[in-house]
Amino acid sequence: MRRAAPPRWRRAVTTARCRLAAGDRGANPVELAVVMPLILVLLFASLQVAAVFLARSTALNAAQSGVNAERVYDAAAGAGPSSATRFLNAAGGWLVGWEKTEPSCVTTATEVTCTVQGRSLSVVPGVDFPVRQSAHGTVERVTDP
């Protein structure tokens, strides 16, 4: 028995698919070559933004540690900067260059302010962002009722 020929519309669709597929050969590698640099730039930019936020968080926590040590009643001289330095040594390398401008604390009769500054870790070579964070608190003291 002889098979019946496929309907005319099916042959037209099959022929059109073959023509379209033949014209797209090699398009995927070209598209990938165009899009891949953009994907890499976005990836490294997002990593750099994360590094900046981690550096800011590290600097702020070190400044808060300094304030907490300096504001205690009858605190030893230099307790704030030494506490912030200990925190930064233990925190890892998200904040770099802080050794050049050691953490500093300014204490008045009622208030203490500690400042930590440095640079963020650089994911992209040659790109780093300055980071400066300060914390503020009141000094514990005896007052008259």
C-alpha atoms as a PDB file:
ATOM      1  CA  MET A   1       0.000   0.000   0.000  1.00  0.00           C
ATOM      2  CA  ARG A   2       1.093   3.391  -0.835  1.00  0.00           C
ATOM      3  CA  ARG A   3       1.167   6.152   1.780  1.00  0.00           C
ATOM      4  CA  ALA A   4      -0.745   9.292   1.133  1.00  0.00           C
ATOM      5  CA  ALA A   5       1.290  12.448   0.614  1.00  0.00           C
ATOM      6  CA  PRO A   6       1.274  14.868   3.585  1.00  0.00           C
ATOM      7  CA  PRO A   7      -1.101  17.785   3.289  1.00  0.00           C
ATOM      8  CA  ARG A   8       0.181  20.839   1.496  1.00  0.00           C
ATOM      9  CA  TRP A   9       0.228  23.067   4.597  1.00  0.00           C
ATOM     10  CA  ARG A  10       2.440  20.594   6.492  1.00  0.00           C
ATOM     11  CA  ARG A  11       5.034  20.664   3.721  1.00  0.00           C
ATOM     12  CA  ALA A  12       4.997  24.482   3.742  1.00  0.00           C
ATOM     13  CA  VAL A  13       5.524  24.642   7.518  1.00  0.00           C
ATOM     14  CA  THR A  14       8.349  22.089   7.405  1.00  0.00           C
ATOM     15  CA  THR A  15      10.069  23.927   4.577  1.00  0.00           C
ATOM     16  CA  ALA A  16       9.777  27.276   6.410  1.00  0.00           C
ATOM     17  CA  ARG A  17      11.278  25.772   9.595  1.00  0.00           C
ATOM     18  CA  CYS A  18      14.238  24.409   7.693  1.00  0.00           C
ATOM     19  CA  ARG A  19      14.876  27.760   6.045  1.00  0.00           C
ATOM     20  CA  LEU A  20      14.721  29.632   9.379  1.00  0.00           C
ATOM     21  CA  ALA A  21      16.996  27.156  11.136  1.00  0.00           C
ATOM     22  CA  ALA A  22      19.581  27.335   8.369  1.00  0.00           C
ATOM     23  CA  GLY A  23      19.810  31.152   8.700  1.00  0.00           C
ATOM     24  CA  ASP A  24      20.432  31.058  12.490  1.00  0.00           C
ATOM     25  CA  ARG A  25      23.484  28.850  12.464  1.00  0.00           C
ATOM     26  CA  GLY A  26      26.245  30.201  14.706  1.00  0.00           C
ATOM     27  CA  ALA A  27      24.066  32.935  16.222  1.00  0.00           C
ATOM     28  CA  ASN A  28      24.348  31.665  19.816  1.00  0.00           C
ATOM     29  CA  PRO A  29      28.130  32.058  20.166  1.00  0.00           C
ATOM     30  CA  VAL A  30      27.933  35.562  18.698  1.00  0.00           C
ATOM     31  CA  GLU A  31      25.148  36.556  21.087  1.00  0.00           C
ATOM     32  CA  LEU A  32      27.138  35.145  24.001  1.00  0.00           C
ATOM     33  CA  ALA A  33      30.255  37.059  22.925  1.00  0.00           C
ATOM     34  CA  VAL A  34      28.250  40.286  22.907  1.00  0.00           C
ATOM     35  CA  VAL A  35      26.444  39.718  26.222  1.00  0.00           C
ATOM     36  CA  MET A  36      29.225  38.078  28.264  1.00  0.00           C
ATOM     37  CA  PRO A  37      31.299  41.261  28.899  1.00  0.00           C
ATOM     38  CA  LEU A  38      28.172  42.969  30.234  1.00  0.00           C
ATOM     39  CA  ILE A  39      27.464  40.019  32.523  1.00  0.00           C
ATOM     40  CA  LEU A  40      31.056  40.086  33.833  1.00  0.00           C
ATOM     41  CA  VAL A  41      30.948  43.840  34.451  1.00  0.00           C
ATOM     42  CA  LEU A  42      27.701  43.474  36.405  1.00  0.00           C
ATOM     43  CA  LEU A  43      29.139  40.563  38.394  1.00  0.00           C
ATOM     44  CA  PHE A  44      32.310  42.418  39.408  1.00  0.00           C
ATOM     45  CA  ALA A  45      30.372  45.625  40.104  1.00  0.00           C
ATOM     46  CA  SER A  46      28.031  43.795  42.453  1.00  0.00           C
ATOM     47  CA  LEU A  47      30.988  42.198  44.249  1.00  0.00           C
ATOM     48  CA  GLN A  48      32.646  45.620  44.616  1.00  0.00           C
ATOM     49  CA  VAL A  49      29.444  47.137  46.039  1.00  0.00           C
ATOM     50  CA  ALA A  50      29.251  44.286  48.547  1.00  0.00           C
ATOM     51  CA  ALA A  51      32.899  44.869  49.530  1.00  0.00           C
ATOM     52  CA  VAL A  52      32.206  48.581  50.105  1.00  0.00           C
ATOM     53  CA  PHE A  53      29.233  47.822  52.331  1.00  0.00           C
ATOM     54  CA  LEU A  54      31.217  45.261  54.313  1.00  0.00           C
ATOM     55  CA  ALA A  55      34.055  47.774  54.783  1.00  0.00           C
ATOM     56  CA  ARG A  56      31.588  50.411  55.986  1.00  0.00           C
ATOM     57  CA  SER A  57      30.008  47.940  58.394  1.00  0.00           C
ATOM     58  CA  THR A  58      33.418  46.910  59.729  1.00  0.00           C
ATOM     59  CA  ALA A  59      34.459  50.541  60.258  1.00  0.00           C
ATOM     60  CA  LEU A  60      31.189  51.409  62.004  1.00  0.00           C
ATOM     61  CA  ASN A  61      31.395  48.391  64.314  1.00  0.00           C
ATOM     62  CA  ALA A  62      35.001  49.256  65.196  1.00  0.00           C
ATOM     63  CA  ALA A  63      33.984  52.855  65.965  1.00  0.00           C
ATOM     64  CA  GLN A  64      31.121  51.617  68.147  1.00  0.00           C
ATOM     65  CA  SER A  65      33.512  49.300  69.969  1.00  0.00           C
ATOM     66  CA  GLY A  66      35.783  52.280  70.634  1.00  0.00           C
ATOM     67  CA  VAL A  67      32.892  54.390  71.921  1.00  0.00           C
ATOM     68  CA  ASN A  68      31.727  51.595  74.224  1.00  0.00           C
ATOM     69  CA  ALA A  69      35.200  51.253  75.714  1.00  0.00           C
ATOM     70  CA  GLU A  70      35.791  55.010  76.033  1.00  0.00           C
ATOM     71  CA  ARG A  71      32.430  55.965  77.557  1.00  0.00           C
ATOM     72  CA  VAL A  72      32.716  53.693  80.605  1.00  0.00           C
ATOM     73  CA  TYR A  73      32.927  55.489  83.946  1.00  0.00           C
ATOM     74  CA  ASP A  74      36.549  56.266  84.777  1.00  0.00           C
ATOM     75  CA  ALA A  75      37.859  54.630  81.575  1.00  0.00           C
ATOM     76  CA  ALA A  76      41.596  54.409  81.039  1.00  0.00           C
ATOM     77  CA  ALA A  77      43.177  56.881  78.645  1.00  0.00           C
ATOM     78  CA  GLY A  78      43.250  55.465  75.117  1.00  0.00           C
ATOM     79  CA  ALA A  79      40.751  52.685  75.830  1.00  0.00           C
ATOM     80  CA  GLY A  80      38.623  53.612  72.807  1.00  0.00           C
ATOM     81  CA  PRO A  81      41.279  53.543  70.082  1.00  0.00           C
ATOM     82  CA  SER A  82      42.836  50.370  71.472  1.00  0.00           C
ATOM     83  CA  SER A  83      39.437  48.628  71.521  1.00  0.00           C
ATOM     84  CA  ALA A  84      38.735  49.726  67.939  1.00  0.00           C
ATOM     85  CA  THR A  85      42.201  48.512  66.872  1.00  0.00           C
ATOM     86  CA  ARG A  86      41.590  45.104  68.481  1.00  0.00           C
ATOM     87  CA  PHE A  87      38.260  44.864  66.656  1.00  0.00           C
ATOM     88  CA  LEU A  88      39.824  45.750  63.310  1.00  0.00           C
ATOM     89  CA  ASN A  89      42.626  43.213  63.780  1.00  0.00           C
ATOM     90  CA  ALA A  90      40.051  40.501  64.468  1.00  0.00           C
ATOM     91  CA  ALA A  91      37.573  41.551  61.766  1.00  0.00           C
ATOM     92  CA  GLY A  92      39.562  40.502  58.709  1.00  0.00           C
ATOM     93  CA  GLY A  93      40.607  42.448  55.663  1.00  0.00           C
ATOM     94  CA  TRP A  94      37.426  44.140  54.472  1.00  0.00           C
ATOM     95  CA  LEU A  95      38.744  47.526  55.593  1.00  0.00           C
ATOM     96  CA  VAL A  96      42.294  48.187  54.416  1.00  0.00           C
ATOM     97  CA  GLY A  97      44.665  51.054  55.103  1.00  0.00           C
ATOM     98  CA  TRP A  98      43.193  51.842  58.514  1.00  0.00           C
ATOM     99  CA  GLU A  99      46.656  51.417  60.072  1.00  0.00           C
ATOM    100  CA  LYS A 100      47.823  54.678  58.454  1.00  0.00           C
ATOM    101  CA  THR A 101      45.126  56.741  60.166  1.00  0.00           C
ATOM    102  CA  GLU A 102      44.701  54.825  63.418  1.00  0.00           C
ATOM    103  CA  PRO A 103      41.216  54.932  64.985  1.00  0.00           C
ATOM    104  CA  SER A 104      40.734  58.156  66.921  1.00  0.00           C
ATOM    105  CA  CYS A 105      38.437  59.121  69.782  1.00  0.00           C
ATOM    106  CA  VAL A 106      37.584  62.614  70.993  1.00  0.00           C
ATOM    107  CA  THR A 107      36.231  62.796  74.537  1.00  0.00           C
ATOM    108  CA  THR A 108      34.625  65.786  76.234  1.00  0.00           C
ATOM    109  CA  ALA A 109      33.100  65.951  79.702  1.00  0.00           C
ATOM    110  CA  THR A 110      29.783  64.539  78.447  1.00  0.00           C
ATOM    111  CA  GLU A 111      30.356  62.943  75.041  1.00  0.00           C
ATOM    112  CA  VAL A 112      32.715  60.683  73.129  1.00  0.00           C
ATOM    113  CA  THR A 113      33.095  60.330  69.364  1.00  0.00           C
ATOM    114  CA  CYS A 114      35.262  57.685  67.701  1.00  0.00           C
ATOM    115  CA  THR A 115      36.188  57.726  64.017  1.00  0.00           C
ATOM    116  CA  VAL A 116      37.604  54.911  61.887  1.00  0.00           C
ATOM    117  CA  GLN A 117      38.713  55.437  58.307  1.00  0.00           C
ATOM    118  CA  GLY A 118      40.352  53.425  55.574  1.00  0.00           C
ATOM    119  CA  ARG A 119      39.561  52.016  52.122  1.00  0.00           C
ATOM    120  CA  SER A 120      37.349  49.195  50.958  1.00  0.00           C
ATOM    121  CA  LEU A 121      38.845  45.977  49.692  1.00  0.00           C
ATOM    122  CA  SER A 122      39.300  46.218  45.929  1.00  0.00           C
ATOM    123  CA  VAL A 123      37.713  43.502  43.785  1.00  0.00           C
ATOM    124  CA  VAL A 124      38.374  45.423  40.564  1.00  0.00           C
ATOM    125  CA  PRO A 125      42.080  46.338  40.304  1.00  0.00           C
ATOM    126  CA  GLY A 126      42.721  50.045  40.769  1.00  0.00           C
ATOM    127  CA  VAL A 127      39.259  50.762  42.154  1.00  0.00           C
ATOM    128  CA  ASP A 128      38.892  51.430  45.850  1.00  0.00           C
ATOM    129  CA  PHE A 129      36.545  53.608  47.814  1.00  0.00           C
ATOM    130  CA  PRO A 130      37.385  55.655  50.920  1.00  0.00           C
ATOM    131  CA  VAL A 131      35.429  54.641  54.003  1.00  0.00           C
ATOM    132  CA  ARG A 132      34.947  56.805  57.077  1.00  0.00           C
ATOM    133  CA  GLN A 133      32.560  55.959  59.901  1.00  0.00           C
ATOM    134  CA  SER A 134      31.976  57.653  63.252  1.00  0.00           C
ATOM    135  CA  ALA A 135      30.117  56.587  66.361  1.00  0.00           C
ATOM    136  CA  HIS A 136      28.923  58.840  69.144  1.00  0.00           C
ATOM    137  CA  GLY A 137      27.903  58.236  72.748  1.00  0.00           C
ATOM    138  CA  THR A 138      27.534  59.866  76.133  1.00  0.00           C
ATOM    139  CA  VAL A 139      30.147  59.435  78.834  1.00  0.00           C
ATOM    140  CA  GLU A 140      29.067  57.684  82.003  1.00  0.00           C
ATOM    141  CA  ARG A 141      29.499  60.037  84.951  1.00  0.00           C
ATOM    142  CA  VAL A 142      28.147  60.762  88.388  1.00  0.00           C
ATOM    143  CA  THR A 143      25.591  63.570  88.447  1.00  0.00           C
ATOM    144  CA  ASP A 144      23.798  65.313  91.295  1.00  0.00           C
ATOM    145  CA  PRO A 145      20.095  64.487  91.699  1.00  0.00           C
END
